[in-house]
Protein backbone atom coordinates (compact mmCIF):
# COMPACT_ATOMS: atom_id res chain seq x y z
CA UNK A 1 0.00 0.00 0.00
CA UNK A 2 1.18 3.54 -0.78
CA UNK A 3 0.40 6.79 1.04
CA UNK A 4 -0.87 8.54 -2.07
CA UNK A 5 -1.63 7.80 -5.69
CA UNK A 6 1.15 7.63 -8.26
CA UNK A 7 0.60 10.46 -10.72
CA UNK A 8 2.27 12.10 -13.71
CA UNK A 9 4.58 14.21 -11.55
CA UNK A 10 6.02 11.24 -9.66
CA UNK A 11 6.30 9.15 -12.79
CA UNK A 12 8.24 11.89 -14.56
CA UNK A 13 10.44 13.06 -11.68
CA UNK A 14 11.38 9.60 -10.42
CA UNK A 15 11.52 7.64 -13.66
CA UNK A 16 11.05 9.28 -17.04
CA UNK A 17 13.48 12.13 -16.47
CA UNK A 18 16.30 9.56 -16.40
CA UNK A 19 15.16 7.71 -19.52
CA UNK A 20 16.59 10.15 -22.05
CA UNK A 21 16.66 7.63 -24.92
CA UNK A 22 13.13 6.36 -24.35
CA UNK A 23 11.16 6.37 -27.60
CA UNK A 24 7.88 4.81 -26.48
CA UNK A 25 6.28 4.48 -23.05
CA UNK A 26 3.33 2.12 -22.66
CA UNK A 27 2.13 1.63 -19.10
CA UNK A 28 -0.60 0.57 -16.72
CA UNK A 29 -0.15 1.44 -13.04
CA UNK A 30 -2.51 0.74 -10.17
CA UNK A 31 -2.04 2.35 -6.76
CA UNK A 32 -3.85 1.19 -3.62
CA UNK A 33 -4.04 3.42 -0.55
CA UNK A 34 -5.37 2.51 2.90
CA UNK A 35 -5.33 4.39 6.21
CA UNK A 36 -6.50 2.73 9.41
CA UNK A 37 -6.35 5.73 11.77
CA UNK A 38 -5.09 8.90 10.08
CA UNK A 39 -6.83 10.33 7.04
CA UNK A 40 -5.06 12.18 4.26
CA UNK A 41 -6.64 14.05 1.41
CA UNK A 42 -6.14 11.95 -1.70
CA UNK A 43 -5.93 13.45 -5.19
CA UNK A 44 -9.11 13.49 -7.24
CA UNK A 45 -9.30 11.98 -10.69
CA UNK A 46 -9.08 15.53 -12.10
CA UNK A 47 -5.86 16.11 -10.12
CA UNK A 48 -4.39 12.94 -11.57
CA UNK A 49 -5.31 13.94 -15.12
CA UNK A 50 -3.76 17.41 -14.73
CA UNK A 51 -0.49 15.91 -13.54
CA UNK A 52 0.14 14.50 -17.03
CA UNK A 53 -0.27 17.82 -18.86
CA UNK A 54 2.81 19.52 -20.32
CA UNK A 55 5.19 16.58 -20.14
CA UNK A 56 6.26 14.06 -22.75
CA UNK A 57 3.55 11.52 -22.12
CA UNK A 58 1.45 9.63 -24.65
CA UNK A 59 -2.32 9.93 -24.34
CA UNK A 60 -3.13 8.98 -20.77
CA UNK A 61 -6.34 8.32 -18.90
CA UNK A 62 -7.01 7.61 -15.26
CA UNK A 63 -9.73 6.87 -12.79
CA UNK A 64 -9.53 7.06 -9.02
CA UNK A 65 -12.01 5.91 -6.43
CA UNK A 66 -11.86 6.81 -2.74
CA UNK A 67 -14.29 5.60 -0.10
CA UNK A 68 -14.70 6.80 3.45
CA UNK A 69 -15.51 3.57 5.33
CA UNK A 70 -12.98 2.03 5.48
CA UNK A 71 -10.84 4.92 4.28
CA UNK A 72 -9.02 3.63 1.26
CA UNK A 73 -8.79 4.16 -2.45
CA UNK A 74 -7.57 2.81 -5.76
CA UNK A 75 -6.19 4.72 -8.72
CA UNK A 76 -5.58 3.37 -12.22
CA UNK A 77 -3.49 5.25 -14.78
CA UNK A 78 -2.68 3.91 -18.22
CA UNK A 79 -1.49 4.99 -21.63
CA UNK A 80 -3.76 4.89 -24.67
CA UNK A 81 -4.38 2.90 -26.68
CA UNK A 82 -4.33 0.31 -23.88
CA UNK A 83 -1.55 -2.13 -24.69
CA UNK A 84 -1.98 -5.07 -22.32
CA UNK A 85 -3.96 -8.32 -22.33
CA UNK A 86 -5.13 -7.97 -18.73
CA UNK A 87 -6.98 -5.42 -16.60
CA UNK A 88 -7.27 -6.00 -12.84
CA UNK A 89 -9.42 -4.59 -10.03
CA UNK A 90 -11.90 -2.80 -12.24
CA UNK A 91 -14.70 -1.23 -10.17
CA UNK A 92 -17.72 1.03 -10.55
CA UNK A 93 -15.56 4.12 -11.02
CA UNK A 94 -14.42 2.78 -14.40
CA UNK A 95 -14.55 5.59 -16.97
CA UNK A 96 -15.12 3.49 -20.07
CA UNK A 97 -13.06 3.19 -23.24
CA UNK A 98 -12.17 0.55 -25.81
CA UNK A 99 -9.86 -2.27 -24.72
CA UNK A 100 -9.51 -4.54 -27.74
CA UNK A 101 -6.33 -6.24 -26.52
CA UNK A 102 -7.65 -7.26 -23.11
CA UNK A 103 -8.36 -10.98 -22.74
CA UNK A 104 -8.45 -11.24 -18.94
CA UNK A 105 -10.49 -8.96 -16.67
CA UNK A 106 -10.82 -8.99 -12.88
CA UNK A 107 -13.68 -6.97 -11.36
CA UNK A 108 -14.25 -6.24 -7.68
CA UNK A 109 -16.07 -3.67 -5.58
CA UNK A 110 -17.85 -3.16 -2.27
CA UNK A 111 -20.89 -1.70 -4.01
CA UNK A 112 -23.06 -3.61 -6.44
CA UNK A 113 -22.43 -4.04 -10.15
CA UNK A 114 -25.65 -3.36 -12.02
CA UNK A 115 -26.93 -4.74 -15.31
CA UNK A 116 -26.07 -1.64 -17.33
CA UNK A 117 -22.49 -1.72 -16.02
CA UNK A 118 -21.97 -5.24 -17.34
CA UNK A 119 -23.47 -4.11 -20.63
CA UNK A 120 -20.80 -1.38 -20.75
CA UNK A 121 -18.08 -3.91 -19.95
CA UNK A 122 -19.22 -6.23 -22.75
CA UNK A 123 -18.89 -3.38 -25.25
CA UNK A 124 -15.62 -1.95 -23.95
CA UNK A 125 -13.88 -5.35 -23.72
CA UNK A 126 -15.17 -6.98 -26.93
CA UNK A 127 -12.65 -9.86 -27.04
CA UNK A 128 -12.70 -10.86 -23.39
CA UNK A 129 -11.93 -14.55 -22.72
CA UNK A 130 -11.42 -14.75 -18.94
CA UNK A 131 -13.62 -12.93 -16.43
CA UNK A 132 -13.28 -12.96 -12.63
CA UNK A 133 -15.91 -11.20 -10.51
CA UNK A 134 -15.59 -10.52 -6.78
CA UNK A 135 -18.64 -8.75 -5.34
CA UNK A 136 -20.86 -9.90 -2.48
CA UNK A 137 -23.27 -6.97 -2.65
CA UNK A 138 -26.73 -7.84 -4.01
CA UNK A 139 -27.83 -5.92 -7.06
CA UNK A 140 -30.14 -2.98 -6.44
CA UNK A 141 -32.14 -3.62 -9.59
CA UNK A 142 -32.68 -7.28 -10.36
CA UNK A 143 -35.41 -6.49 -12.89
CA UNK A 144 -32.91 -6.69 -15.69
CA UNK A 145 -33.22 -4.85 -18.95
CA UNK A 146 -34.60 -6.83 -21.88
CA UNK A 147 -31.36 -6.11 -23.77
CA UNK A 148 -29.21 -9.24 -23.98
CA UNK A 149 -25.61 -8.79 -22.82
CA UNK A 150 -23.11 -10.55 -25.07
CA UNK A 151 -19.65 -11.91 -24.34
CA UNK A 152 -19.06 -13.88 -27.56
CA UNK A 153 -15.47 -14.95 -26.78
CA UNK A 154 -15.71 -15.66 -23.05
CA UNK A 155 -14.40 -19.15 -22.20
CA UNK A 156 -13.73 -18.87 -18.45
CA UNK A 157 -16.03 -17.35 -15.82
CA UNK A 158 -15.22 -17.19 -12.09
CA UNK A 159 -18.19 -16.40 -9.84
CA UNK A 160 -17.27 -18.15 -6.60
CA UNK A 161 -16.84 -14.84 -4.74
CA UNK A 162 -20.05 -13.19 -5.88
CA UNK A 163 -23.57 -12.73 -4.63
CA UNK A 164 -26.05 -15.12 -6.23
CA UNK A 165 -27.56 -12.19 -8.18
CA UNK A 166 -24.50 -12.16 -10.47
CA UNK A 167 -24.62 -15.91 -10.90
CA UNK A 168 -28.21 -15.63 -12.05
CA UNK A 169 -27.42 -12.69 -14.32
CA UNK A 170 -24.61 -14.49 -16.12
CA UNK A 171 -25.92 -18.02 -16.27
CA UNK A 172 -29.48 -17.45 -17.45
CA UNK A 173 -29.72 -17.32 -21.22
CA UNK A 174 -32.41 -14.67 -21.07
CA UNK A 175 -29.82 -12.27 -19.59
CA UNK A 176 -26.50 -13.27 -21.10
CA UNK A 177 -25.16 -14.67 -24.38
CA UNK A 178 -22.09 -16.85 -23.71
CA UNK A 179 -21.70 -19.14 -26.73
CA UNK A 180 -18.10 -20.22 -25.93
CA UNK A 181 -18.24 -20.65 -22.16
CA UNK A 182 -16.18 -23.77 -21.37
CA UNK A 183 -15.08 -23.31 -17.76
CA UNK A 184 -17.17 -22.17 -14.81
CA UNK A 185 -16.16 -21.63 -11.19
CA UNK A 186 -18.99 -21.00 -8.68
CA UNK A 187 -20.02 -22.07 -5.21
CA UNK A 188 -22.40 -24.97 -4.80
CA UNK A 189 -25.08 -23.03 -2.92
CA UNK A 190 -25.42 -20.58 -5.81
CA UNK A 191 -25.76 -23.43 -8.29
CA UNK A 192 -28.51 -25.01 -6.18
CA UNK A 193 -30.26 -21.66 -5.82
CA UNK A 194 -30.40 -20.68 -9.48
CA UNK A 195 -31.47 -24.16 -10.62
CA UNK A 196 -33.87 -24.58 -7.68
CA UNK A 197 -32.10 -27.78 -6.74
CA UNK A 198 -31.94 -28.93 -10.37
CA UNK A 199 -35.66 -28.63 -11.03
CA UNK A 200 -35.75 -25.68 -13.46
CA UNK A 201 -35.63 -26.42 -17.19
CA UNK A 202 -31.94 -27.04 -18.07
CA UNK A 203 -32.28 -25.21 -21.39
CA UNK A 204 -32.64 -21.92 -19.51
CA UNK A 205 -28.95 -21.90 -18.56
CA UNK A 206 -25.59 -21.23 -20.21
CA UNK A 207 -24.33 -24.72 -19.43
CA UNK A 208 -24.43 -26.30 -22.89
CA UNK A 209 -20.73 -26.00 -23.76
CA UNK A 210 -19.22 -26.40 -20.30
CA UNK A 211 -16.30 -28.82 -20.09
CA UNK A 212 -15.17 -27.86 -16.59
CA UNK A 213 -17.18 -27.06 -13.46
CA UNK A 214 -15.26 -25.98 -10.36
CA UNK A 215 -17.29 -25.97 -7.12
CA UNK A 216 -16.29 -25.07 -3.58
CA UNK A 217 -17.53 -28.38 -2.14
CA UNK A 218 -18.12 -31.94 -3.23
CA UNK A 219 -21.65 -33.17 -3.86
CA UNK A 220 -23.57 -36.15 -5.15
CA UNK A 221 -24.72 -35.58 -8.69
CA UNK A 222 -28.49 -35.73 -9.10
CA UNK A 223 -29.88 -38.16 -11.65
CA UNK A 224 -30.61 -35.37 -14.11
CA UNK A 225 -27.17 -33.75 -13.78
CA UNK A 226 -26.25 -34.69 -17.34
CA UNK A 227 -29.26 -32.80 -18.66
CA UNK A 228 -27.77 -29.60 -17.26
CA UNK A 229 -24.16 -30.36 -18.11
CA UNK A 230 -24.16 -32.64 -21.15
CA UNK A 231 -20.38 -32.43 -21.68
CA UNK A 232 -19.37 -33.22 -18.08
């Protein structure tokens, strides 16, 4: 943990100023800040953006999120176009953009991810293959939009650290289009909940192509298990 966010001033004064032969600088930097007793005023996203003006930087964007209880924050800064195949710790303060190179995304937050936010993610990360979600907050609006969210290249989905609302959102075909989903990681209680103990019509779920199912506990397969997971 750092005591403040890394910004354009620090990056230039402590690093770039010494790289006199540097021709291209592609970067992604995440700073985490946490104070248990003493509070400091952290830079705003606007402060971070201004720190990159007037120096020899490529196009840069940033987003910072600070919360009061507990007092901590996260700041992401990265050059554009985004040049990496991963993006970690994305939260609700995400500013949007186009991330065509990203194949692996990790999302986490202490406030809920809503349907329209996942719709944004599906458009901004069009070639996503691996998605990890960590959020135990129930969704505020579970009456999902009629618009189908599409992740056409997603092969791996990790939902073991999520509220059951996200499991239902992603695994019901009426909400989500996941034609290439091969690997799923969830907790057993969520699986039982969304299938109503394997009594809901199996065709309602995005299980058709699954070749791997990772659960947090062992269980005895019901007689109709194969109807839900024909390739397992």
